Amino acid sequence: FNHESPRRGLEFVTRKVTMTAARISHGIDECLWIGNVDAKRDWGYAGDYVEMQWRMLQQDEADDFVIATGRTHSVRDMINHAFNHVGMELTWSGEGADTIATDQSDVVRVRTNPKFFRPAEVELLIGDYAKSAAALGWSPTTTFEQLVEMMVDSDMAIVAEAVENDYAPPQPPE
């Protein structure tokens, strides 16, 4: 299932959210343009998943295991937590392609755009790691909230360094 970290590429929704939140908080961008904010995913920390992969490799016989958190969060959840972590509380309105989120000053900070909607969107992805826990004693240790904060903190540092040294910070592709 989806494994995330501050090293995730900017073309992925998780990193697009965290980098854009950092850019907005530094006054570089005004708005995050996004697709379906109601899609739900089982997002876990890549470091936890690497530990599980290592445990799999220690087995005498190969077997199939699910590496997941067993929890699901929407893109909207990720956006809310990322923006809250940079000091912006969002209020949502509209639905589908007309969804927006405004900050405390009523500035639109998030807009959906149909061009970012996937044509064959899977609304819900969630994994069951029960076999991994039973056979290998593994369970994820990093929460969704910790993961989002880790990614936002990393992107805030990247943007701050760029601003301090007068160069353009990374920008997620459209």
N, C-alpha and C. Protein backbone atom coordinates (compact mmCIF):
# COMPACT_ATOMS: atom_id res chain seq x y z
N PHE A 1 0.83 -1.19 0.00
CA PHE A 1 0.00 0.00 0.00
C PHE A 1 0.87 1.25 0.00
N ASN A 2 0.26 2.40 -0.15
CA ASN A 2 1.01 3.64 -0.33
C ASN A 2 2.01 3.86 0.79
N HIS A 3 3.26 4.04 0.41
CA HIS A 3 4.32 4.32 1.38
C HIS A 3 4.87 5.71 1.08
N GLU A 4 4.93 6.52 2.11
CA GLU A 4 5.26 7.94 1.96
C GLU A 4 6.42 8.33 2.86
N SER A 5 7.09 9.39 2.46
CA SER A 5 8.14 9.98 3.28
C SER A 5 8.47 11.35 2.70
N PRO A 6 9.29 12.12 3.39
CA PRO A 6 9.70 13.42 2.83
C PRO A 6 10.44 13.29 1.50
N ARG A 7 10.89 12.10 1.16
CA ARG A 7 11.61 11.90 -0.10
C ARG A 7 10.68 11.55 -1.27
N ARG A 8 9.41 11.44 -1.02
CA ARG A 8 8.44 11.12 -2.08
C ARG A 8 8.52 12.19 -3.16
N GLY A 9 8.35 11.80 -4.40
CA GLY A 9 8.42 12.74 -5.51
C GLY A 9 7.31 13.78 -5.45
N LEU A 10 7.59 14.96 -5.97
CA LEU A 10 6.62 16.05 -5.96
C LEU A 10 5.41 15.77 -6.85
N GLU A 11 5.50 14.78 -7.73
CA GLU A 11 4.38 14.47 -8.61
C GLU A 11 3.30 13.65 -7.91
N PHE A 12 3.55 13.19 -6.68
CA PHE A 12 2.56 12.42 -5.93
C PHE A 12 1.72 13.35 -5.06
N VAL A 13 0.45 13.00 -4.87
CA VAL A 13 -0.49 13.90 -4.19
C VAL A 13 -0.03 14.25 -2.78
N THR A 14 0.55 13.31 -2.06
CA THR A 14 0.96 13.59 -0.69
C THR A 14 2.00 14.70 -0.64
N ARG A 15 2.97 14.60 -1.49
CA ARG A 15 4.06 15.59 -1.52
C ARG A 15 3.58 16.89 -2.14
N LYS A 16 2.66 16.81 -3.09
CA LYS A 16 2.08 18.03 -3.66
C LYS A 16 1.39 18.82 -2.55
N VAL A 17 0.67 18.12 -1.69
CA VAL A 17 -0.03 18.78 -0.58
C VAL A 17 0.97 19.41 0.39
N THR A 18 1.96 18.65 0.83
CA THR A 18 2.87 19.17 1.86
C THR A 18 3.76 20.29 1.32
N MET A 19 4.25 20.15 0.09
CA MET A 19 5.10 21.20 -0.48
C MET A 19 4.29 22.47 -0.74
N THR A 20 3.07 22.32 -1.24
CA THR A 20 2.26 23.51 -1.51
C THR A 20 1.86 24.20 -0.21
N ALA A 21 1.56 23.43 0.84
CA ALA A 21 1.27 24.04 2.15
C ALA A 21 2.47 24.85 2.62
N ALA A 22 3.67 24.31 2.45
CA ALA A 22 4.89 25.03 2.85
C ALA A 22 5.07 26.29 2.01
N ARG A 23 4.85 26.18 0.70
CA ARG A 23 5.00 27.34 -0.19
C ARG A 23 3.97 28.43 0.15
N ILE A 24 2.74 28.03 0.44
CA ILE A 24 1.71 29.00 0.81
C ILE A 24 2.07 29.68 2.13
N SER A 25 2.54 28.90 3.10
CA SER A 25 2.87 29.49 4.40
C SER A 25 4.02 30.49 4.31
N HIS A 26 4.86 30.36 3.28
CA HIS A 26 5.96 31.31 3.05
C HIS A 26 5.57 32.42 2.07
N GLY A 27 4.29 32.46 1.66
CA GLY A 27 3.82 33.52 0.78
C GLY A 27 4.21 33.36 -0.68
N ILE A 28 4.66 32.18 -1.08
CA ILE A 28 5.08 31.95 -2.46
C ILE A 28 3.90 31.60 -3.35
N ASP A 29 3.05 30.74 -2.88
CA ASP A 29 1.83 30.36 -3.60
C ASP A 29 0.63 30.83 -2.79
N GLU A 30 -0.52 30.84 -3.46
CA GLU A 30 -1.75 31.22 -2.76
C GLU A 30 -2.70 30.05 -2.60
N CYS A 31 -2.66 29.10 -3.56
CA CYS A 31 -3.70 28.08 -3.59
C CYS A 31 -3.14 26.73 -4.04
N LEU A 32 -3.65 25.67 -3.46
CA LEU A 32 -3.38 24.29 -3.86
C LEU A 32 -4.48 23.86 -4.81
N TRP A 33 -4.11 23.46 -6.03
CA TRP A 33 -5.06 22.91 -6.99
C TRP A 33 -4.95 21.40 -6.92
N ILE A 34 -6.09 20.73 -6.73
CA ILE A 34 -6.08 19.30 -6.42
C ILE A 34 -7.24 18.60 -7.10
N GLY A 35 -7.18 17.29 -7.15
CA GLY A 35 -8.27 16.48 -7.71
C GLY A 35 -9.27 16.09 -6.64
N ASN A 36 -9.63 14.83 -6.61
CA ASN A 36 -10.66 14.31 -5.71
C ASN A 36 -10.18 14.32 -4.26
N VAL A 37 -10.73 15.21 -3.46
CA VAL A 37 -10.31 15.31 -2.06
C VAL A 37 -10.96 14.24 -1.18
N ASP A 38 -11.91 13.51 -1.74
CA ASP A 38 -12.60 12.49 -0.95
C ASP A 38 -12.07 11.07 -1.18
N ALA A 39 -11.08 10.91 -2.07
CA ALA A 39 -10.45 9.60 -2.25
C ALA A 39 -9.75 9.22 -0.96
N LYS A 40 -9.86 7.95 -0.57
CA LYS A 40 -9.28 7.48 0.69
C LYS A 40 -8.19 6.46 0.41
N ARG A 41 -7.09 6.61 1.14
CA ARG A 41 -5.94 5.73 0.96
C ARG A 41 -5.41 5.26 2.31
N ASP A 42 -4.70 4.16 2.25
CA ASP A 42 -3.99 3.60 3.39
C ASP A 42 -2.54 4.07 3.24
N TRP A 43 -2.22 5.22 3.85
CA TRP A 43 -0.88 5.81 3.73
C TRP A 43 -0.04 5.42 4.94
N GLY A 44 1.14 4.88 4.68
CA GLY A 44 2.06 4.54 5.76
C GLY A 44 3.43 5.14 5.51
N TYR A 45 4.25 5.12 6.54
CA TYR A 45 5.59 5.68 6.48
C TYR A 45 6.55 4.67 5.86
N ALA A 46 7.30 5.11 4.87
CA ALA A 46 8.23 4.24 4.15
C ALA A 46 9.22 3.56 5.10
N GLY A 47 9.67 4.25 6.12
CA GLY A 47 10.61 3.66 7.08
C GLY A 47 10.02 2.45 7.79
N ASP A 48 8.74 2.53 8.17
CA ASP A 48 8.07 1.38 8.77
C ASP A 48 7.99 0.23 7.78
N TYR A 49 7.71 0.55 6.53
CA TYR A 49 7.54 -0.48 5.51
C TYR A 49 8.87 -1.16 5.19
N VAL A 50 9.96 -0.41 5.24
CA VAL A 50 11.28 -1.00 5.01
C VAL A 50 11.61 -1.99 6.14
N GLU A 51 11.23 -1.65 7.36
CA GLU A 51 11.44 -2.59 8.46
C GLU A 51 10.69 -3.89 8.20
N MET A 52 9.45 -3.79 7.73
CA MET A 52 8.67 -4.99 7.42
C MET A 52 9.33 -5.79 6.30
N GLN A 53 9.84 -5.12 5.29
CA GLN A 53 10.53 -5.81 4.20
C GLN A 53 11.75 -6.56 4.73
N TRP A 54 12.48 -5.94 5.63
CA TRP A 54 13.64 -6.60 6.23
C TRP A 54 13.20 -7.85 6.98
N ARG A 55 12.12 -7.75 7.74
CA ARG A 55 11.61 -8.92 8.47
C ARG A 55 11.21 -10.04 7.50
N MET A 56 10.63 -9.69 6.39
CA MET A 56 10.26 -10.70 5.39
C MET A 56 11.50 -11.42 4.87
N LEU A 57 12.57 -10.68 4.67
CA LEU A 57 13.80 -11.26 4.14
C LEU A 57 14.52 -12.16 5.15
N GLN A 58 14.17 -12.06 6.41
CA GLN A 58 14.81 -12.89 7.43
C GLN A 58 14.16 -14.27 7.55
N GLN A 59 13.08 -14.51 6.84
CA GLN A 59 12.36 -15.78 6.93
C GLN A 59 13.07 -16.87 6.13
N ASP A 60 12.99 -18.10 6.62
CA ASP A 60 13.60 -19.23 5.92
C ASP A 60 12.89 -19.53 4.61
N GLU A 61 11.58 -19.29 4.58
CA GLU A 61 10.80 -19.54 3.36
C GLU A 61 10.06 -18.27 2.96
N ALA A 62 10.03 -18.04 1.67
CA ALA A 62 9.32 -16.86 1.14
C ALA A 62 7.82 -17.02 1.37
N ASP A 63 7.16 -15.91 1.58
CA ASP A 63 5.71 -15.89 1.74
C ASP A 63 5.22 -14.51 1.33
N ASP A 64 3.93 -14.40 1.12
CA ASP A 64 3.32 -13.12 0.75
C ASP A 64 2.76 -12.44 2.00
N PHE A 65 3.06 -11.16 2.13
CA PHE A 65 2.57 -10.38 3.25
C PHE A 65 2.05 -9.04 2.75
N VAL A 66 1.05 -8.52 3.44
CA VAL A 66 0.53 -7.19 3.15
C VAL A 66 1.26 -6.21 4.07
N ILE A 67 1.76 -5.14 3.47
CA ILE A 67 2.39 -4.07 4.24
C ILE A 67 1.45 -2.87 4.15
N ALA A 68 0.81 -2.56 5.25
CA ALA A 68 -0.21 -1.50 5.27
C ALA A 68 -0.37 -1.01 6.71
N THR A 69 -1.21 -0.01 6.90
CA THR A 69 -1.48 0.48 8.25
C THR A 69 -2.82 -0.02 8.78
N GLY A 70 -3.70 -0.44 7.88
CA GLY A 70 -5.03 -0.85 8.30
C GLY A 70 -5.95 0.32 8.58
N ARG A 71 -5.48 1.52 8.26
CA ARG A 71 -6.29 2.73 8.47
C ARG A 71 -6.37 3.50 7.16
N THR A 72 -7.46 4.20 7.00
CA THR A 72 -7.63 4.97 5.78
C THR A 72 -7.89 6.44 6.12
N HIS A 73 -7.38 7.30 5.26
CA HIS A 73 -7.57 8.74 5.41
C HIS A 73 -7.83 9.32 4.03
N SER A 74 -8.65 10.34 3.98
CA SER A 74 -8.94 10.99 2.70
C SER A 74 -7.86 12.01 2.35
N VAL A 75 -7.84 12.38 1.09
CA VAL A 75 -6.95 13.46 0.66
C VAL A 75 -7.31 14.73 1.44
N ARG A 76 -8.58 14.93 1.68
CA ARG A 76 -9.04 16.09 2.48
C ARG A 76 -8.43 16.05 3.89
N ASP A 77 -8.40 14.85 4.50
CA ASP A 77 -7.77 14.70 5.82
C ASP A 77 -6.31 15.14 5.77
N MET A 78 -5.61 14.70 4.72
CA MET A 78 -4.20 15.05 4.58
C MET A 78 -4.04 16.57 4.43
N ILE A 79 -4.86 17.16 3.58
CA ILE A 79 -4.80 18.61 3.37
C ILE A 79 -5.07 19.35 4.68
N ASN A 80 -6.13 18.95 5.38
CA ASN A 80 -6.46 19.61 6.66
C ASN A 80 -5.29 19.55 7.63
N HIS A 81 -4.70 18.37 7.76
CA HIS A 81 -3.62 18.22 8.74
C HIS A 81 -2.37 19.00 8.32
N ALA A 82 -2.05 18.96 7.04
CA ALA A 82 -0.86 19.68 6.54
C ALA A 82 -1.03 21.19 6.74
N PHE A 83 -2.18 21.71 6.36
CA PHE A 83 -2.39 23.16 6.48
C PHE A 83 -2.50 23.57 7.95
N ASN A 84 -3.13 22.74 8.76
CA ASN A 84 -3.21 23.03 10.19
C ASN A 84 -1.81 23.08 10.80
N HIS A 85 -0.93 22.21 10.33
CA HIS A 85 0.44 22.15 10.86
C HIS A 85 1.24 23.41 10.52
N VAL A 86 0.85 24.11 9.46
CA VAL A 86 1.52 25.39 9.13
C VAL A 86 0.70 26.59 9.63
N GLY A 87 -0.31 26.32 10.46
CA GLY A 87 -1.06 27.39 11.10
C GLY A 87 -2.29 27.87 10.38
N MET A 88 -2.78 27.09 9.43
CA MET A 88 -3.99 27.50 8.69
C MET A 88 -5.11 26.50 8.94
N GLU A 89 -6.20 27.00 9.50
CA GLU A 89 -7.38 26.17 9.68
C GLU A 89 -8.29 26.38 8.48
N LEU A 90 -8.66 25.28 7.83
CA LEU A 90 -9.45 25.37 6.60
C LEU A 90 -10.93 25.13 6.86
N THR A 91 -11.76 25.82 6.10
CA THR A 91 -13.20 25.60 6.09
C THR A 91 -13.58 25.21 4.67
N TRP A 92 -14.25 24.08 4.53
CA TRP A 92 -14.57 23.52 3.22
C TRP A 92 -15.99 23.87 2.80
N SER A 93 -16.17 24.03 1.49
CA SER A 93 -17.51 24.21 0.92
C SER A 93 -17.53 23.64 -0.49
N GLY A 94 -18.73 23.42 -0.99
CA GLY A 94 -18.88 22.86 -2.33
C GLY A 94 -18.68 21.36 -2.32
N GLU A 95 -18.78 20.78 -3.52
CA GLU A 95 -18.56 19.34 -3.65
C GLU A 95 -18.04 19.02 -5.04
N GLY A 96 -17.43 17.85 -5.16
CA GLY A 96 -16.88 17.43 -6.45
C GLY A 96 -15.89 18.43 -7.00
N ALA A 97 -16.06 18.78 -8.27
CA ALA A 97 -15.15 19.71 -8.95
C ALA A 97 -15.32 21.15 -8.46
N ASP A 98 -16.33 21.41 -7.65
CA ASP A 98 -16.57 22.76 -7.13
C ASP A 98 -16.18 22.90 -5.65
N THR A 99 -15.35 22.01 -5.17
CA THR A 99 -14.93 22.05 -3.77
C THR A 99 -13.82 23.09 -3.58
N ILE A 100 -13.96 23.88 -2.53
CA ILE A 100 -12.90 24.83 -2.16
C ILE A 100 -12.71 24.76 -0.64
N ALA A 101 -11.56 25.26 -0.21
CA ALA A 101 -11.30 25.42 1.22
C ALA A 101 -10.70 26.80 1.42
N THR A 102 -11.22 27.51 2.42
CA THR A 102 -10.72 28.85 2.74
C THR A 102 -10.03 28.83 4.10
N ASP A 103 -9.11 29.77 4.29
CA ASP A 103 -8.42 29.88 5.57
C ASP A 103 -9.19 30.81 6.51
N GLN A 104 -8.59 31.13 7.65
CA GLN A 104 -9.23 31.97 8.66
C GLN A 104 -9.54 33.37 8.14
N SER A 105 -8.81 33.83 7.13
CA SER A 105 -9.03 35.16 6.55
C SER A 105 -9.96 35.10 5.34
N ASP A 106 -10.58 33.95 5.12
CA ASP A 106 -11.50 33.73 4.01
C ASP A 106 -10.80 33.75 2.64
N VAL A 107 -9.50 33.49 2.62
CA VAL A 107 -8.75 33.37 1.37
C VAL A 107 -8.85 31.93 0.90
N VAL A 108 -9.17 31.74 -0.39
CA VAL A 108 -9.27 30.38 -0.93
C VAL A 108 -7.87 29.79 -1.00
N ARG A 109 -7.66 28.69 -0.28
CA ARG A 109 -6.35 28.03 -0.22
C ARG A 109 -6.32 26.70 -0.97
N VAL A 110 -7.50 26.12 -1.21
CA VAL A 110 -7.58 24.84 -1.93
C VAL A 110 -8.73 24.92 -2.91
N ARG A 111 -8.47 24.48 -4.14
CA ARG A 111 -9.51 24.38 -5.17
C ARG A 111 -9.35 23.05 -5.88
N THR A 112 -10.48 22.42 -6.14
CA THR A 112 -10.43 21.21 -6.96
C THR A 112 -10.50 21.61 -8.43
N ASN A 113 -9.89 20.76 -9.25
CA ASN A 113 -9.88 20.99 -10.69
C ASN A 113 -10.10 19.64 -11.36
N PRO A 114 -11.10 19.54 -12.24
CA PRO A 114 -11.40 18.25 -12.89
C PRO A 114 -10.20 17.63 -13.61
N LYS A 115 -9.25 18.44 -14.06
CA LYS A 115 -8.11 17.86 -14.78
C LYS A 115 -7.24 17.00 -13.86
N PHE A 116 -7.38 17.16 -12.54
CA PHE A 116 -6.62 16.35 -11.60
C PHE A 116 -7.39 15.14 -11.08
N PHE A 117 -8.64 14.97 -11.52
CA PHE A 117 -9.41 13.80 -11.13
C PHE A 117 -8.96 12.61 -11.97
N ARG A 118 -8.78 11.46 -11.36
CA ARG A 118 -8.40 10.26 -12.09
C ARG A 118 -9.63 9.71 -12.81
N PRO A 119 -9.46 9.26 -14.06
CA PRO A 119 -10.62 8.75 -14.81
C PRO A 119 -11.21 7.48 -14.20
N ALA A 120 -10.40 6.66 -13.58
CA ALA A 120 -10.88 5.42 -12.97
C ALA A 120 -10.48 5.41 -11.50
N GLU A 121 -10.94 6.41 -10.78
CA GLU A 121 -10.57 6.58 -9.37
C GLU A 121 -11.07 5.42 -8.52
N VAL A 122 -10.20 4.87 -7.71
CA VAL A 122 -10.59 3.91 -6.69
C VAL A 122 -10.85 4.74 -5.44
N GLU A 123 -12.08 4.73 -4.98
CA GLU A 123 -12.46 5.61 -3.87
C GLU A 123 -11.81 5.22 -2.55
N LEU A 124 -11.61 3.91 -2.31
CA LEU A 124 -11.11 3.46 -1.01
C LEU A 124 -10.07 2.37 -1.19
N LEU A 125 -8.89 2.59 -0.62
CA LEU A 125 -7.84 1.57 -0.57
C LEU A 125 -7.42 1.42 0.88
N ILE A 126 -7.53 0.19 1.40
CA ILE A 126 -7.12 -0.08 2.78
C ILE A 126 -6.58 -1.50 2.85
N GLY A 127 -5.50 -1.67 3.59
CA GLY A 127 -4.87 -2.99 3.70
C GLY A 127 -5.07 -3.61 5.07
N ASP A 128 -4.93 -4.93 5.12
CA ASP A 128 -5.03 -5.69 6.37
C ASP A 128 -3.67 -6.35 6.62
N TYR A 129 -2.95 -5.87 7.61
CA TYR A 129 -1.61 -6.39 7.89
C TYR A 129 -1.62 -7.45 8.99
N ALA A 130 -2.78 -8.06 9.28
CA ALA A 130 -2.91 -9.03 10.37
C ALA A 130 -1.91 -10.18 10.24
N LYS A 131 -1.73 -10.70 9.04
CA LYS A 131 -0.79 -11.81 8.84
C LYS A 131 0.64 -11.35 9.15
N SER A 132 0.98 -10.14 8.75
CA SER A 132 2.31 -9.59 9.03
C SER A 132 2.54 -9.46 10.54
N ALA A 133 1.52 -9.04 11.25
CA ALA A 133 1.62 -8.89 12.70
C ALA A 133 1.76 -10.26 13.37
N ALA A 134 0.93 -11.21 12.94
CA ALA A 134 0.94 -12.54 13.56
C ALA A 134 2.23 -13.31 13.26
N ALA A 135 2.65 -13.30 12.02
CA ALA A 135 3.80 -14.12 11.61
C ALA A 135 5.15 -13.47 11.90
N LEU A 136 5.20 -12.14 11.81
CA LEU A 136 6.49 -11.46 11.92
C LEU A 136 6.56 -10.44 13.06
N GLY A 137 5.45 -10.29 13.78
CA GLY A 137 5.44 -9.35 14.90
C GLY A 137 5.56 -7.90 14.48
N TRP A 138 5.13 -7.61 13.25
CA TRP A 138 5.26 -6.26 12.73
C TRP A 138 3.95 -5.51 12.80
N SER A 139 4.04 -4.25 13.14
CA SER A 139 2.91 -3.33 12.98
C SER A 139 3.52 -1.94 12.75
N PRO A 140 2.81 -1.09 12.03
CA PRO A 140 3.35 0.24 11.77
C PRO A 140 3.44 1.04 13.07
N THR A 141 4.47 1.87 13.17
CA THR A 141 4.66 2.65 14.40
C THR A 141 4.43 4.15 14.18
N THR A 142 4.45 4.59 12.94
CA THR A 142 4.27 6.01 12.64
C THR A 142 2.81 6.27 12.28
N THR A 143 2.17 7.18 12.99
CA THR A 143 0.77 7.48 12.70
C THR A 143 0.66 8.35 11.45
N PHE A 144 -0.53 8.41 10.91
CA PHE A 144 -0.81 9.28 9.76
C PHE A 144 -0.44 10.72 10.10
N GLU A 145 -0.85 11.18 11.26
CA GLU A 145 -0.58 12.55 11.67
C GLU A 145 0.93 12.81 11.77
N GLN A 146 1.66 11.88 12.36
CA GLN A 146 3.12 12.02 12.45
C GLN A 146 3.76 12.06 11.06
N LEU A 147 3.26 11.23 10.17
CA LEU A 147 3.78 11.18 8.80
C LEU A 147 3.56 12.51 8.09
N VAL A 148 2.36 13.04 8.16
CA VAL A 148 2.06 14.32 7.51
C VAL A 148 2.94 15.42 8.10
N GLU A 149 3.06 15.46 9.41
CA GLU A 149 3.88 16.49 10.06
C GLU A 149 5.35 16.36 9.66
N MET A 150 5.85 15.14 9.57
CA MET A 150 7.23 14.91 9.14
C MET A 150 7.46 15.45 7.73
N MET A 151 6.50 15.19 6.85
CA MET A 151 6.62 15.65 5.47
C MET A 151 6.51 17.17 5.37
N VAL A 152 5.58 17.75 6.11
CA VAL A 152 5.42 19.21 6.11
C VAL A 152 6.68 19.87 6.68
N ASP A 153 7.18 19.36 7.80
CA ASP A 153 8.38 19.94 8.41
C ASP A 153 9.56 19.91 7.44
N SER A 154 9.71 18.82 6.72
CA SER A 154 10.79 18.71 5.74
C SER A 154 10.61 19.74 4.63
N ASP A 155 9.39 19.86 4.12
CA ASP A 155 9.15 20.83 3.05
C ASP A 155 9.25 22.27 3.54
N MET A 156 8.87 22.52 4.77
CA MET A 156 9.04 23.87 5.34
C MET A 156 10.53 24.22 5.39
N ALA A 157 11.37 23.27 5.77
CA ALA A 157 12.81 23.52 5.82
C ALA A 157 13.38 23.76 4.43
N ILE A 158 12.92 23.00 3.45
CA ILE A 158 13.38 23.17 2.07
C ILE A 158 13.01 24.55 1.54
N VAL A 159 11.76 24.95 1.77
CA VAL A 159 11.29 26.25 1.28
C VAL A 159 12.00 27.38 2.04
N ALA A 160 12.15 27.25 3.35
CA ALA A 160 12.83 28.29 4.13
C ALA A 160 14.27 28.48 3.65
N GLU A 161 14.96 27.38 3.37
CA GLU A 161 16.34 27.49 2.87
C GLU A 161 16.38 28.20 1.52
N ALA A 162 15.43 27.87 0.66
CA ALA A 162 15.38 28.52 -0.66
C ALA A 162 15.13 30.02 -0.51
N VAL A 163 14.18 30.38 0.33
CA VAL A 163 13.87 31.79 0.54
C VAL A 163 15.07 32.52 1.14
N GLU A 164 15.69 31.91 2.13
CA GLU A 164 16.85 32.52 2.79
C GLU A 164 18.02 32.73 1.83
N ASN A 165 18.18 31.81 0.88
CA ASN A 165 19.30 31.89 -0.06
C ASN A 165 18.91 32.46 -1.41
N ASP A 166 17.68 32.99 -1.48
CA ASP A 166 17.21 33.71 -2.67
C ASP A 166 17.20 32.86 -3.94
N TYR A 167 16.70 31.63 -3.83
CA TYR A 167 16.46 30.83 -5.02
C TYR A 167 15.06 30.23 -4.95
N ALA A 168 14.57 29.80 -6.08
CA ALA A 168 13.20 29.29 -6.15
C ALA A 168 13.11 27.91 -5.51
N PRO A 169 12.17 27.73 -4.58
CA PRO A 169 11.99 26.40 -3.99
C PRO A 169 11.33 25.45 -4.98
N PRO A 170 11.43 24.16 -4.74
CA PRO A 170 10.77 23.20 -5.65
C PRO A 170 9.28 23.49 -5.75
N GLN A 171 8.74 23.22 -6.92
CA GLN A 171 7.31 23.42 -7.16
C GLN A 171 6.73 22.13 -7.72
N PRO A 172 5.65 21.63 -7.13
CA PRO A 172 5.03 20.42 -7.67
C PRO A 172 4.56 20.65 -9.11
N PRO A 173 4.66 19.63 -9.96
CA PRO A 173 4.19 19.79 -11.34
C PRO A 173 2.67 19.87 -11.37
N GLU A 174 2.15 20.46 -12.44
CA GLU A 174 0.69 20.50 -12.59
C GLU A 174 0.19 19.23 -13.19
